[in-house]
Amino acid sequence: MDNETADDFDKEAEALRGSAVFQKFLDERMACTDRIPLEEIEAEIERELGQ
């Protein structure tokens, strides 16, 4: 990653840190108890690509 890209990423991350809407979104995501294991998602992708 070049310096300009890293700087852009840092600016975006800082903006999101200060966003009440984004923080609310993260809080809602964390409260969700439904989880799909990564292995299950990978297996589904492999099945779909194999068709």
C-alpha atoms as a PDB file:
ATOM      1  CA  MET A   1       0.000   0.000   0.000  1.00  0.00           C
ATOM      2  CA  ASP A   2       1.503   3.341  -0.964  1.00  0.00           C
ATOM      3  CA  ASN A   3       1.559   6.340   1.387  1.00  0.00           C
ATOM      4  CA  GLU A   4      -1.300   8.118  -0.373  1.00  0.00           C
ATOM      5  CA  THR A   5      -3.556   5.072  -0.102  1.00  0.00           C
ATOM      6  CA  ALA A   6      -2.607   4.616   3.550  1.00  0.00           C
ATOM      7  CA  ASP A   7      -3.341   8.290   4.232  1.00  0.00           C
ATOM      8  CA  ASP A   8      -6.749   7.977   2.546  1.00  0.00           C
ATOM      9  CA  PHE A   9      -7.529   4.893   4.611  1.00  0.00           C
ATOM     10  CA  ASP A  10      -6.506   6.672   7.834  1.00  0.00           C
ATOM     11  CA  LYS A  11      -8.754   9.623   6.977  1.00  0.00           C
ATOM     12  CA  GLU A  12     -11.716   7.347   6.232  1.00  0.00           C
ATOM     13  CA  ALA A  13     -11.172   5.347   9.425  1.00  0.00           C
ATOM     14  CA  GLU A  14     -11.020   8.550  11.476  1.00  0.00           C
ATOM     15  CA  ALA A  15     -14.209   9.841   9.849  1.00  0.00           C
ATOM     16  CA  LEU A  16     -16.024   6.584  10.628  1.00  0.00           C
ATOM     17  CA  ARG A  17     -14.785   6.657  14.226  1.00  0.00           C
ATOM     18  CA  GLY A  18     -16.501  10.017  14.617  1.00  0.00           C
ATOM     19  CA  SER A  19     -19.739   8.908  12.942  1.00  0.00           C
ATOM     20  CA  ALA A  20     -22.601   8.273  15.366  1.00  0.00           C
ATOM     21  CA  VAL A  21     -24.525   6.510  12.589  1.00  0.00           C
ATOM     22  CA  PHE A  22     -21.648   4.125  11.886  1.00  0.00           C
ATOM     23  CA  GLN A  23     -21.096   3.469  15.598  1.00  0.00           C
ATOM     24  CA  LYS A  24     -24.815   2.642  15.953  1.00  0.00           C
ATOM     25  CA  PHE A  25     -24.497   0.249  13.003  1.00  0.00           C
ATOM     26  CA  LEU A  26     -21.535  -1.480  14.684  1.00  0.00           C
ATOM     27  CA  ASP A  27     -23.413  -1.716  17.990  1.00  0.00           C
ATOM     28  CA  GLU A  28     -26.371  -3.343  16.219  1.00  0.00           C
ATOM     29  CA  ARG A  29     -24.067  -5.800  14.451  1.00  0.00           C
ATOM     30  CA  MET A  30     -22.397  -6.752  17.731  1.00  0.00           C
ATOM     31  CA  ALA A  31     -25.801  -7.327  19.369  1.00  0.00           C
ATOM     32  CA  CYS A  32     -26.780  -9.828  16.666  1.00  0.00           C
ATOM     33  CA  THR A  33     -26.345 -13.352  18.007  1.00  0.00           C
ATOM     34  CA  ASP A  34     -26.815 -15.084  14.655  1.00  0.00           C
ATOM     35  CA  ARG A  35     -23.396 -16.102  13.420  1.00  0.00           C
ATOM     36  CA  ILE A  36     -22.376 -18.139  10.376  1.00  0.00           C
ATOM     37  CA  PRO A  37     -19.021 -19.889  10.733  1.00  0.00           C
ATOM     38  CA  LEU A  38     -16.466 -18.863   8.119  1.00  0.00           C
ATOM     39  CA  GLU A  39     -15.965 -22.506   7.192  1.00  0.00           C
ATOM     40  CA  GLU A  40     -19.661 -22.792   6.311  1.00  0.00           C
ATOM     41  CA  ILE A  41     -19.470 -19.726   4.069  1.00  0.00           C
ATOM     42  CA  GLU A  42     -16.330 -21.057   2.371  1.00  0.00           C
ATOM     43  CA  ALA A  43     -18.008 -24.437   1.766  1.00  0.00           C
ATOM     44  CA  GLU A  44     -21.055 -22.732   0.256  1.00  0.00           C
ATOM     45  CA  ILE A  45     -18.854 -20.670  -2.077  1.00  0.00           C
ATOM     46  CA  GLU A  46     -16.948 -23.774  -3.135  1.00  0.00           C
ATOM     47  CA  ARG A  47     -20.230 -25.610  -3.849  1.00  0.00           C
ATOM     48  CA  GLU A  48     -21.528 -22.695  -5.924  1.00  0.00           C
ATOM     49  CA  LEU A  49     -18.299 -22.354  -7.881  1.00  0.00           C
ATOM     50  CA  GLY A  50     -18.216 -26.100  -8.510  1.00  0.00           C
ATOM     51  CA  GLN A  51     -21.594 -26.082 -10.241  1.00  0.00           C
END
